[in-house]
C-alpha atoms as a PDB file:
ATOM      1  CA  MET A   1     149.263  65.365  63.570  1.00  0.00           C
ATOM      2  CA  ARG A   2     148.972  63.628  66.860  1.00  0.00           C
ATOM      3  CA  PRO A   3     146.930  60.359  66.901  1.00  0.00           C
ATOM      4  CA  LEU A   4     144.125  61.720  69.077  1.00  0.00           C
ATOM      5  CA  GLU A   5     143.559  64.701  66.854  1.00  0.00           C
ATOM      6  CA  ARG A   6     143.679  62.500  63.821  1.00  0.00           C
ATOM      7  CA  HIS A   7     141.063  60.177  65.344  1.00  0.00           C
ATOM      8  CA  ILE A   8     138.755  63.014  66.290  1.00  0.00           C
ATOM      9  CA  ILE A   9     138.950  64.494  62.776  1.00  0.00           C
ATOM     10  CA  ASP A  10     138.546  61.138  61.099  1.00  0.00           C
ATOM     11  CA  THR A  11     135.479  60.361  63.213  1.00  0.00           C
ATOM     12  CA  ILE A  12     133.855  63.676  62.488  1.00  0.00           C
ATOM     13  CA  LYS A  13     134.594  63.390  58.861  1.00  0.00           C
ATOM     14  CA  GLU A  14     133.201  59.812  58.775  1.00  0.00           C
ATOM     15  CA  TRP A  15     129.876  61.058  60.186  1.00  0.00           C
ATOM     16  CA  GLN A  16     129.846  63.994  57.668  1.00  0.00           C
ATOM     17  CA  MET A  17     130.425  61.662  54.794  1.00  0.00           C
ATOM     18  CA  LYS A  18     127.697  59.330  56.016  1.00  0.00           C
ATOM     19  CA  ILE A  19     124.910  61.642  56.928  1.00  0.00           C
ATOM     20  CA  GLY A  20     126.022  65.072  55.670  1.00  0.00           C
ATOM     21  CA  TYR A  21     127.362  68.144  57.464  1.00  0.00           C
ATOM     22  CA  SER A  22     125.072  70.052  59.759  1.00  0.00           C
ATOM     23  CA  GLU A  23     125.926  72.968  61.998  1.00  0.00           C
ATOM     24  CA  GLY A  24     126.415  72.113  65.587  1.00  0.00           C
ATOM     25  CA  SER A  25     128.610  70.387  68.161  1.00  0.00           C
ATOM     26  CA  MET A  26     129.407  66.682  68.306  1.00  0.00           C
ATOM     27  CA  ASN A  27     129.999  64.412  71.340  1.00  0.00           C
ATOM     28  CA  LEU A  28     132.684  61.730  71.144  1.00  0.00           C
ATOM     29  CA  TYR A  29     133.246  59.113  73.851  1.00  0.00           C
ATOM     30  CA  TYR A  30     136.602  57.376  74.694  1.00  0.00           C
ATOM     31  CA  PRO A  31     137.580  54.848  77.316  1.00  0.00           C
ATOM     32  CA  LYS A  32     140.517  55.903  79.445  1.00  0.00           C
ATOM     33  CA  GLU A  33     142.761  53.221  78.164  1.00  0.00           C
ATOM     34  CA  ALA A  34     142.144  54.186  74.504  1.00  0.00           C
ATOM     35  CA  LEU A  35     142.904  57.829  75.310  1.00  0.00           C
ATOM     36  CA  ALA A  36     146.188  57.003  76.984  1.00  0.00           C
ATOM     37  CA  GLU A  37     147.218  55.174  73.768  1.00  0.00           C
ATOM     38  CA  LEU A  38     145.979  57.870  71.427  1.00  0.00           C
ATOM     39  CA  LEU A  39     147.897  60.530  73.529  1.00  0.00           C
ATOM     40  CA  GLU A  40     150.992  58.174  73.402  1.00  0.00           C
ATOM     41  CA  LEU A  41     151.442  58.165  77.152  1.00  0.00           C
ATOM     42  CA  PRO A  42     153.890  55.621  78.549  1.00  0.00           C
ATOM     43  CA  GLU A  43     152.210  52.589  80.197  1.00  0.00           C
ATOM     44  CA  GLY A  44     151.231  53.282  83.729  1.00  0.00           C
ATOM     45  CA  ASP A  45     151.487  57.070  83.286  1.00  0.00           C
ATOM     46  CA  GLN A  46     148.868  58.702  85.584  1.00  0.00           C
ATOM     47  CA  LYS A  47     149.065  62.217  84.078  1.00  0.00           C
ATOM     48  CA  LEU A  48     146.088  61.855  81.704  1.00  0.00           C
ATOM     49  CA  GLY A  49     144.411  65.079  82.995  1.00  0.00           C
ATOM     50  CA  LYS A  50     147.489  67.091  82.329  1.00  0.00           C
ATOM     51  CA  ALA A  51     147.944  65.579  78.895  1.00  0.00           C
ATOM     52  CA  LEU A  52     144.369  66.290  77.938  1.00  0.00           C
ATOM     53  CA  ALA A  53     144.602  69.884  79.097  1.00  0.00           C
ATOM     54  CA  SER A  54     147.782  70.305  76.936  1.00  0.00           C
ATOM     55  CA  PHE A  55     146.013  68.581  73.998  1.00  0.00           C
ATOM     56  CA  THR A  56     142.858  70.879  74.039  1.00  0.00           C
ATOM     57  CA  GLN A  57     145.153  73.982  73.905  1.00  0.00           C
ATOM     58  CA  GLU A  58     147.180  72.536  71.133  1.00  0.00           C
ATOM     59  CA  VAL A  59     144.225  71.758  68.842  1.00  0.00           C
ATOM     60  CA  LYS A  60     142.159  74.904  69.815  1.00  0.00           C
ATOM     61  CA  PRO A  61     143.190  76.891  66.698  1.00  0.00           C
ATOM     62  CA  ARG A  62     141.660  74.162  64.511  1.00  0.00           C
ATOM     63  CA  LEU A  63     138.997  72.391  66.532  1.00  0.00           C
ATOM     64  CA  GLY A  64     137.931  75.193  68.839  1.00  0.00           C
ATOM     65  CA  GLU A  65     137.398  75.022  72.609  1.00  0.00           C
ATOM     66  CA  ILE A  66     136.900  71.269  73.310  1.00  0.00           C
ATOM     67  CA  THR A  67     135.276  70.507  76.682  1.00  0.00           C
ATOM     68  CA  ILE A  68     135.996  67.204  78.402  1.00  0.00           C
ATOM     69  CA  SER A  69     134.114  65.482  81.186  1.00  0.00           C
ATOM     70  CA  HIS A  70     134.203  61.913  82.477  1.00  0.00           C
ATOM     71  CA  GLU A  71     132.330  59.423  84.641  1.00  0.00           C
ATOM     72  CA  GLY A  72     134.741  56.801  85.808  1.00  0.00           C
ATOM     73  CA  ASP A  73     136.852  55.654  82.921  1.00  0.00           C
ATOM     74  CA  ARG A  74     134.575  56.909  80.251  1.00  0.00           C
ATOM     75  CA  TYR A  75     135.443  60.303  78.699  1.00  0.00           C
ATOM     76  CA  CYS A  76     133.124  62.614  76.737  1.00  0.00           C
ATOM     77  CA  PHE A  77     134.593  65.195  74.304  1.00  0.00           C
ATOM     78  CA  VAL A  78     132.353  67.903  73.143  1.00  0.00           C
ATOM     79  CA  ILE A  79     133.698  69.169  69.854  1.00  0.00           C
ATOM     80  CA  PRO A  80     132.206  72.733  69.168  1.00  0.00           C
ATOM     81  CA  ALA A  81     130.421  73.753  66.070  1.00  0.00           C
ATOM     82  CA  GLU A  82     133.540  75.570  64.853  1.00  0.00           C
ATOM     83  CA  GLY A  83     135.568  72.427  65.087  1.00  0.00           C
ATOM     84  CA  CYS A  84     133.002  70.391  63.005  1.00  0.00           C
ATOM     85  CA  ALA A  85     132.925  73.307  60.473  1.00  0.00           C
ATOM     86  CA  TYR A  86     136.695  73.177  60.221  1.00  0.00           C
ATOM     87  CA  VAL A  87     136.652  69.454  59.443  1.00  0.00           C
ATOM     88  CA  ALA A  88     133.820  69.984  56.802  1.00  0.00           C
ATOM     89  CA  GLU A  89     135.666  72.784  55.103  1.00  0.00           C
ATOM     90  CA  LYS A  90     139.292  72.016  55.489  1.00  0.00           C
ATOM     91  CA  ILE A  91     139.604  68.215  55.660  1.00  0.00           C
ATOM     92  CA  PRO A  92     139.092  66.340  52.343  1.00  0.00           C
ATOM     93  CA  ASP A  93     136.931  63.259  52.227  1.00  0.00           C
ATOM     94  CA  ALA A  94     138.983  60.099  52.908  1.00  0.00           C
ATOM     95  CA  LEU A  95     139.747  58.321  49.672  1.00  0.00           C
ATOM     96  CA  PHE A  96     139.113  54.766  50.882  1.00  0.00           C
ATOM     97  CA  LEU A  97     136.006  55.714  52.998  1.00  0.00           C
ATOM     98  CA  GLN A  98     134.390  57.228  49.844  1.00  0.00           C
ATOM     99  CA  SER A  99     134.464  53.884  47.976  1.00  0.00           C
ATOM    100  CA  PHE A 100     133.778  51.824  51.158  1.00  0.00           C
ATOM    101  CA  LEU A 101     130.558  53.851  52.007  1.00  0.00           C
ATOM    102  CA  ALA A 102     129.354  53.566  48.414  1.00  0.00           C
ATOM    103  CA  VAL A 103     129.419  49.777  48.829  1.00  0.00           C
ATOM    104  CA  ILE A 104     127.957  49.788  52.311  1.00  0.00           C
ATOM    105  CA  THR A 105     124.951  51.974  51.204  1.00  0.00           C
ATOM    106  CA  GLY A 106     124.577  50.515  47.783  1.00  0.00           C
ATOM    107  CA  THR A 107     121.439  48.537  47.075  1.00  0.00           C
ATOM    108  CA  GLY A 108     122.200  44.799  46.802  1.00  0.00           C
ATOM    109  CA  SER A 109     125.812  44.993  48.038  1.00  0.00           C
ATOM    110  CA  SER A 110     127.270  41.909  49.533  1.00  0.00           C
ATOM    111  CA  MET A 111     130.305  40.842  51.668  1.00  0.00           C
ATOM    112  CA  ASP A 112     131.992  39.954  48.400  1.00  0.00           C
ATOM    113  CA  ASP A 113     131.603  43.546  47.228  1.00  0.00           C
ATOM    114  CA  VAL A 114     133.194  44.713  50.488  1.00  0.00           C
ATOM    115  CA  GLU A 115     136.195  42.476  50.001  1.00  0.00           C
ATOM    116  CA  LYS A 116     136.515  43.657  46.382  1.00  0.00           C
ATOM    117  CA  CYS A 117     136.619  47.217  47.703  1.00  0.00           C
ATOM    118  CA  PHE A 118     139.486  46.417  50.009  1.00  0.00           C
ATOM    119  CA  ALA A 119     141.328  44.395  47.382  1.00  0.00           C
ATOM    120  CA  GLN A 120     141.133  47.226  44.755  1.00  0.00           C
ATOM    121  CA  TYR A 121     142.243  49.932  47.135  1.00  0.00           C
ATOM    122  CA  ALA A 122     145.087  47.837  48.485  1.00  0.00           C
ATOM    123  CA  LYS A 123     146.284  47.012  44.875  1.00  0.00           C
ATOM    124  CA  SER A 124     145.980  50.619  43.688  1.00  0.00           C
ATOM    125  CA  HIS A 125     147.830  52.028  46.628  1.00  0.00           C
ATOM    126  CA  GLY A 126     150.625  49.436  47.033  1.00  0.00           C
ATOM    127  CA  GLY A 127     149.379  47.642  50.185  1.00  0.00           C
ATOM    128  CA  SER A 128     147.622  44.416  51.134  1.00  0.00           C
ATOM    129  CA  TYR A 129     144.505  43.640  53.114  1.00  0.00           C
ATOM    130  CA  VAL A 130     143.432  41.041  55.766  1.00  0.00           C
ATOM    131  CA  VAL A 131     139.999  39.543  56.140  1.00  0.00           C
ATOM    132  CA  ARG A 132     138.884  37.092  58.908  1.00  0.00           C
ATOM    133  CA  GLU A 133     136.014  36.380  61.334  1.00  0.00           C
ATOM    134  CA  ALA A 134     135.620  38.842  64.190  1.00  0.00           C
ATOM    135  CA  HIS A 135     136.536  37.736  67.709  1.00  0.00           C
ATOM    136  CA  HIS A 136     133.191  38.925  69.020  1.00  0.00           C
ATOM    137  CA  HIS A 137     129.736  37.552  67.981  1.00  0.00           C
ATOM    138  CA  GLY A 138     127.642  40.040  66.047  1.00  0.00           C
ATOM    139  CA  LEU A 139     130.562  41.966  64.456  1.00  0.00           C
ATOM    140  CA  GLY A 140     130.714  39.869  61.283  1.00  0.00           C
ATOM    141  CA  LYS A 141     133.950  39.926  59.347  1.00  0.00           C
ATOM    142  CA  VAL A 142     137.063  41.878  60.104  1.00  0.00           C
ATOM    143  CA  PHE A 143     138.885  43.788  57.412  1.00  0.00           C
ATOM    144  CA  TYR A 144     141.967  45.958  57.596  1.00  0.00           C
ATOM    145  CA  PHE A 145     144.938  47.030  55.488  1.00  0.00           C
ATOM    146  CA  GLU A 146     148.653  46.387  55.943  1.00  0.00           C
ATOM    147  CA  TRP A 147     150.947  49.023  54.486  1.00  0.00           C
ATOM    148  CA  GLY A 148     154.621  49.261  53.647  1.00  0.00           C
ATOM    149  CA  ALA A 149     156.751  52.231  54.823  1.00  0.00           C
ATOM    150  CA  GLU A 150     156.741  53.617  51.277  1.00  0.00           C
ATOM    151  CA  VAL A 151     152.982  54.370  51.219  1.00  0.00           C
ATOM    152  CA  SER A 152     152.174  58.011  52.162  1.00  0.00           C
ATOM    153  CA  GLY A 153     150.134  58.782  55.312  1.00  0.00           C
ATOM    154  CA  GLU A 154     147.261  60.415  53.420  1.00  0.00           C
ATOM    155  CA  GLU A 155     146.679  57.192  51.392  1.00  0.00           C
ATOM    156  CA  LYS A 156     146.855  54.825  54.347  1.00  0.00           C
ATOM    157  CA  ASP A 157     143.743  53.742  56.097  1.00  0.00           C
ATOM    158  CA  SER A 158     144.805  52.300  59.504  1.00  0.00           C
ATOM    159  CA  TYR A 159     141.365  51.352  60.914  1.00  0.00           C
ATOM    160  CA  VAL A 160     139.762  47.958  61.559  1.00  0.00           C
ATOM    161  CA  TYR A 161     136.471  47.486  59.901  1.00  0.00           C
ATOM    162  CA  CYS A 162     133.938  44.947  61.256  1.00  0.00           C
ATOM    163  CA  VAL A 163     131.176  44.319  58.647  1.00  0.00           C
ATOM    164  CA  GLU A 164     128.048  42.359  59.200  1.00  0.00           C
ATOM    165  CA  ASP A 165     125.537  41.310  56.513  1.00  0.00           C
ATOM    166  CA  ASP A 166     121.976  40.602  57.558  1.00  0.00           C
ATOM    167  CA  GLU A 167     118.464  41.017  56.300  1.00  0.00           C
ATOM    168  CA  PHE A 168     118.747  44.817  56.567  1.00  0.00           C
ATOM    169  CA  GLY A 169     121.880  44.873  54.386  1.00  0.00           C
ATOM    170  CA  LEU A 170     125.506  45.713  55.243  1.00  0.00           C
ATOM    171  CA  THR A 171     126.382  47.480  58.537  1.00  0.00           C
ATOM    172  CA  TYR A 172     129.760  48.235  59.932  1.00  0.00           C
ATOM    173  CA  HIS A 173     131.797  49.427  62.877  1.00  0.00           C
ATOM    174  CA  ARG A 174     135.201  51.120  62.632  1.00  0.00           C
ATOM    175  CA  PHE A 175     137.891  50.815  65.313  1.00  0.00           C
ATOM    176  CA  THR A 176     141.368  51.975  65.833  1.00  0.00           C
ATOM    177  CA  ARG A 177     143.812  49.082  66.035  1.00  0.00           C
ATOM    178  CA  ALA A 178     144.151  49.766  69.679  1.00  0.00           C
ATOM    179  CA  GLU A 179     140.429  49.720  70.353  1.00  0.00           C
ATOM    180  CA  TYR A 180     139.949  46.445  68.529  1.00  0.00           C
ATOM    181  CA  ARG A 181     142.886  44.864  70.304  1.00  0.00           C
ATOM    182  CA  MET A 182     141.572  45.873  73.645  1.00  0.00           C
ATOM    183  CA  MET A 183     138.110  44.524  72.755  1.00  0.00           C
ATOM    184  CA  ALA A 184     139.596  41.259  71.629  1.00  0.00           C
ATOM    185  CA  GLU A 185     141.740  40.914  74.684  1.00  0.00           C
ATOM    186  CA  GLU A 186     139.059  41.962  77.198  1.00  0.00           C
ATOM    187  CA  ASP A 187     138.238  39.311  79.769  1.00  0.00           C
ATOM    188  CA  VAL A 188     134.850  39.008  81.436  1.00  0.00           C
ATOM    189  CA  GLU A 189     135.137  38.415  85.174  1.00  0.00           C
ATOM    190  CA  CYS A 190     133.976  35.001  86.307  1.00  0.00           C
ATOM    191  CA  CYS A 191     133.252  33.345  89.554  1.00  0.00           C
ATOM    192  CA  ASP A 192     136.177  31.764  91.327  1.00  0.00           C
ATOM    193  CA  ASP A 193     134.158  28.591  91.971  1.00  0.00           C
ATOM    194  CA  THR A 194     131.215  27.055  90.269  1.00  0.00           C
ATOM    195  CA  CYS A 195     128.150  27.956  92.368  1.00  0.00           C
ATOM    196  CA  VAL A 196     124.662  27.805  90.912  1.00  0.00           C
ATOM    197  CA  HIS A 197     121.793  29.691  92.662  1.00  0.00           C
ATOM    198  CA  PRO A 198     118.484  27.771  92.198  1.00  0.00           C
ATOM    199  CA  ASP A 199     116.245  30.509  93.722  1.00  0.00           C
ATOM    200  CA  ARG A 200     117.503  33.033  91.295  1.00  0.00           C
ATOM    201  CA  LEU A 201     117.282  30.699  88.285  1.00  0.00           C
ATOM    202  CA  ALA A 202     113.663  29.959  89.155  1.00  0.00           C
ATOM    203  CA  ARG A 203     112.776  33.568  88.894  1.00  0.00           C
ATOM    204  CA  VAL A 204     114.638  33.949  85.644  1.00  0.00           C
ATOM    205  CA  ASN A 205     113.032  30.923  84.036  1.00  0.00           C
ATOM    206  CA  HIS A 206     109.594  32.170  85.057  1.00  0.00           C
ATOM    207  CA  GLN A 207     110.143  35.702  83.584  1.00  0.00           C
ATOM    208  CA  ILE A 208     112.135  35.155  80.436  1.00  0.00           C
ATOM    209  CA  PRO A 209     110.049  35.368  77.171  1.00  0.00           C
ATOM    210  CA  ASP A 210     109.824  32.610  74.770  1.00  0.00           C
ATOM    211  CA  GLU A 211     112.257  32.251  71.839  1.00  0.00           C
ATOM    212  CA  ASP A 212     109.939  33.756  69.260  1.00  0.00           C
ATOM    213  CA  GLU A 213     109.388  36.967  71.299  1.00  0.00           C
ATOM    214  CA  LEU A 214     113.149  37.204  71.968  1.00  0.00           C
ATOM    215  CA  TYR A 215     113.834  36.867  68.254  1.00  0.00           C
ATOM    216  CA  GLU A 216     111.304  39.589  67.352  1.00  0.00           C
ATOM    217  CA  LEU A 217     112.807  41.858  69.984  1.00  0.00           C
ATOM    218  CA  SER A 218     116.409  41.416  68.719  1.00  0.00           C
ATOM    219  CA  GLU A 219     115.184  42.111  65.140  1.00  0.00           C
ATOM    220  CA  LEU A 220     113.552  45.311  66.381  1.00  0.00           C
ATOM    221  CA  PHE A 221     116.667  46.616  67.981  1.00  0.00           C
ATOM    222  CA  LYS A 222     118.693  45.732  64.879  1.00  0.00           C
ATOM    223  CA  VAL A 223     116.622  48.441  63.099  1.00  0.00           C
ATOM    224  CA  PHE A 224     117.967  51.028  65.551  1.00  0.00           C
ATOM    225  CA  GLY A 225     121.602  50.026  64.689  1.00  0.00           C
ATOM    226  CA  ASP A 226     121.935  52.464  61.615  1.00  0.00           C
ATOM    227  CA  PRO A 227     122.483  56.210  62.049  1.00  0.00           C
ATOM    228  CA  THR A 228     120.586  57.086  58.921  1.00  0.00           C
ATOM    229  CA  ARG A 229     117.435  55.323  60.188  1.00  0.00           C
ATOM    230  CA  ILE A 230     117.830  57.126  63.581  1.00  0.00           C
ATOM    231  CA  ARG A 231     118.106  60.444  61.823  1.00  0.00           C
ATOM    232  CA  ILE A 232     114.889  59.702  59.847  1.00  0.00           C
ATOM    233  CA  LEU A 233     113.117  58.956  63.115  1.00  0.00           C
ATOM    234  CA  PHE A 234     114.334  62.199  64.644  1.00  0.00           C
ATOM    235  CA  VAL A 235     113.158  64.148  61.755  1.00  0.00           C
ATOM    236  CA  LEU A 236     109.731  62.569  61.934  1.00  0.00           C
ATOM    237  CA  PHE A 237     109.510  63.488  65.536  1.00  0.00           C
ATOM    238  CA  GLU A 238     108.723  66.984  64.361  1.00  0.00           C
ATOM    239  CA  THR A 239     106.207  66.372  61.619  1.00  0.00           C
ATOM    240  CA  GLU A 240     105.154  63.960  58.926  1.00  0.00           C
ATOM    241  CA  LEU A 241     107.157  64.312  55.701  1.00  0.00           C
ATOM    242  CA  CYS A 242     107.293  62.807  52.147  1.00  0.00           C
ATOM    243  CA  VAL A 243     110.306  61.116  50.725  1.00  0.00           C
ATOM    244  CA  CYS A 244     111.321  64.333  48.862  1.00  0.00           C
ATOM    245  CA  ASP A 245     111.278  66.285  52.110  1.00  0.00           C
ATOM    246  CA  LEU A 246     113.305  63.721  53.943  1.00  0.00           C
ATOM    247  CA  ALA A 247     115.879  63.561  51.138  1.00  0.00           C
ATOM    248  CA  GLU A 248     116.267  67.369  51.252  1.00  0.00           C
ATOM    249  CA  ALA A 249     116.476  67.477  55.052  1.00  0.00           C
ATOM    250  CA  LEU A 250     119.096  64.770  55.308  1.00  0.00           C
ATOM    251  CA  HIS A 251     121.008  65.619  52.210  1.00  0.00           C
ATOM    252  CA  MET A 252     120.544  62.174  50.776  1.00  0.00           C
ATOM    253  CA  THR A 253     119.093  60.649  47.568  1.00  0.00           C
ATOM    254  CA  GLN A 254     115.443  59.693  47.431  1.00  0.00           C
ATOM    255  CA  SER A 255     116.439  56.040  46.634  1.00  0.00           C
ATOM    256  CA  ALA A 256     118.535  55.866  49.731  1.00  0.00           C
ATOM    257  CA  ILE A 257     115.687  57.358  51.852  1.00  0.00           C
ATOM    258  CA  SER A 258     113.164  54.912  50.363  1.00  0.00           C
ATOM    259  CA  HIS A 259     115.416  51.962  51.224  1.00  0.00           C
ATOM    260  CA  GLN A 260     115.589  52.966  54.826  1.00  0.00           C
ATOM    261  CA  LEU A 261     111.855  53.816  55.024  1.00  0.00           C
ATOM    262  CA  LYS A 262     111.076  50.307  53.797  1.00  0.00           C
ATOM    263  CA  ILE A 263     112.993  48.734  56.692  1.00  0.00           C
ATOM    264  CA  LEU A 264     111.412  51.180  59.191  1.00  0.00           C
ATOM    265  CA  LYS A 265     108.009  50.342  57.918  1.00  0.00           C
ATOM    266  CA  GLN A 266     108.585  46.607  57.989  1.00  0.00           C
ATOM    267  CA  ALA A 267     109.535  46.947  61.646  1.00  0.00           C
ATOM    268  CA  LYS A 268     106.334  48.947  62.248  1.00  0.00           C
ATOM    269  CA  LEU A 269     108.260  51.991  63.424  1.00  0.00           C
ATOM    270  CA  VAL A 270     106.870  54.316  60.685  1.00  0.00           C
ATOM    271  CA  SER A 271     103.517  54.440  58.824  1.00  0.00           C
ATOM    272  CA  SER A 272     102.386  56.287  55.702  1.00  0.00           C
ATOM    273  CA  ARG A 273      99.420  57.947  54.180  1.00  0.00           C
ATOM    274  CA  ARG A 274      98.787  59.140  50.605  1.00  0.00           C
ATOM    275  CA  GLU A 275      97.627  62.688  49.921  1.00  0.00           C
ATOM    276  CA  GLY A 276      97.132  63.366  46.165  1.00  0.00           C
ATOM    277  CA  LYS A 277     100.463  62.506  44.547  1.00  0.00           C
ATOM    278  CA  SER A 278     102.416  62.665  47.763  1.00  0.00           C
ATOM    279  CA  VAL A 279     102.998  59.886  50.245  1.00  0.00           C
ATOM    280  CA  PHE A 280     103.670  61.155  53.819  1.00  0.00           C
ATOM    281  CA  TYR A 281     105.570  59.204  56.466  1.00  0.00           C
ATOM    282  CA  PHE A 282     105.111  59.509  60.231  1.00  0.00           C
ATOM    283  CA  LEU A 283     105.978  57.687  63.421  1.00  0.00           C
ATOM    284  CA  ALA A 284     103.813  54.618  63.945  1.00  0.00           C
ATOM    285  CA  ASP A 285     103.257  55.286  67.634  1.00  0.00           C
ATOM    286  CA  ASP A 286     104.619  56.962  70.756  1.00  0.00           C
ATOM    287  CA  HIS A 287     106.731  53.751  71.568  1.00  0.00           C
ATOM    288  CA  VAL A 288     109.310  54.925  68.965  1.00  0.00           C
ATOM    289  CA  ARG A 289     109.925  58.242  70.684  1.00  0.00           C
ATOM    290  CA  THR A 290     110.078  56.512  74.086  1.00  0.00           C
ATOM    291  CA  ILE A 291     112.653  53.977  72.831  1.00  0.00           C
ATOM    292  CA  ILE A 292     114.941  56.645  71.412  1.00  0.00           C
ATOM    293  CA  ASP A 293     114.505  58.970  74.426  1.00  0.00           C
ATOM    294  CA  GLN A 294     115.439  56.232  76.900  1.00  0.00           C
ATOM    295  CA  GLY A 295     118.385  55.293  74.667  1.00  0.00           C
ATOM    296  CA  ARG A 296     119.664  58.886  74.791  1.00  0.00           C
ATOM    297  CA  GLU A 297     119.278  58.947  78.579  1.00  0.00           C
ATOM    298  CA  HIS A 298     121.250  55.753  78.822  1.00  0.00           C
ATOM    299  CA  ILE A 299     124.267  56.989  76.768  1.00  0.00           C
ATOM    300  CA  GLU A 300     124.285  60.342  78.575  1.00  0.00           C
ATOM    301  CA  GLU A 301     124.362  58.788  82.094  1.00  0.00           C
END
């Protein structure tokens, strides 16, 4: 299987394992440089369009008619419903991801539990693992495996996992080796000469909120950094629901839903009311819908 097809399938399967399978298409986004590497194009090869056209035809029997668009160097892949169904029905759950997600979503799990998960999988499958601090602030610790040639492809997990532990629990981001390397090597353009602009700084200093407000704002946006919480909010767009309803709608356990609702309620994003023996949850105010709608507009630009 070619690396790009492998990555598409792995990404769809990861989401299905995290939040359950639901019928419909899925959008995946790739930077141009990462696509070139996943398609194994020689460095400097300008035939990306031709390579993508060939790729979509090659995977069509399995993933259906993939449509690709791009703005600048950012490419959007729309994987049709039949492709998502193929992954759900034909691709088994990844062995390591099963145990890893159990740790990430487990109540009271810590970074030590994450490292034990990597250590146990590496030991049982004849590999080793690496753990270190991430290059970028806010990505926590980096974990990945190192495998010998004797380990079979199905047992190998070749991704880089960046895991962060904060007051909301464990969260993670998963990257290919190429994606993480590009992120680590990426340089931010700087001025050629040191030149301070006092007039602009005066406007900034006058407008910027105080530290307490900035902290509260950053904590609010952290809550939106989990796909399960976003799914709960989307469901509550339609109607108020109890924990039992939410668990059924999202194919999750009631305890997992309750844990996320507690975080959402602490952040004043959802409220609740009791009716008999049931407790119904609903969006706290219209700001929640506005934040998510504007976020969707931003990623779709």
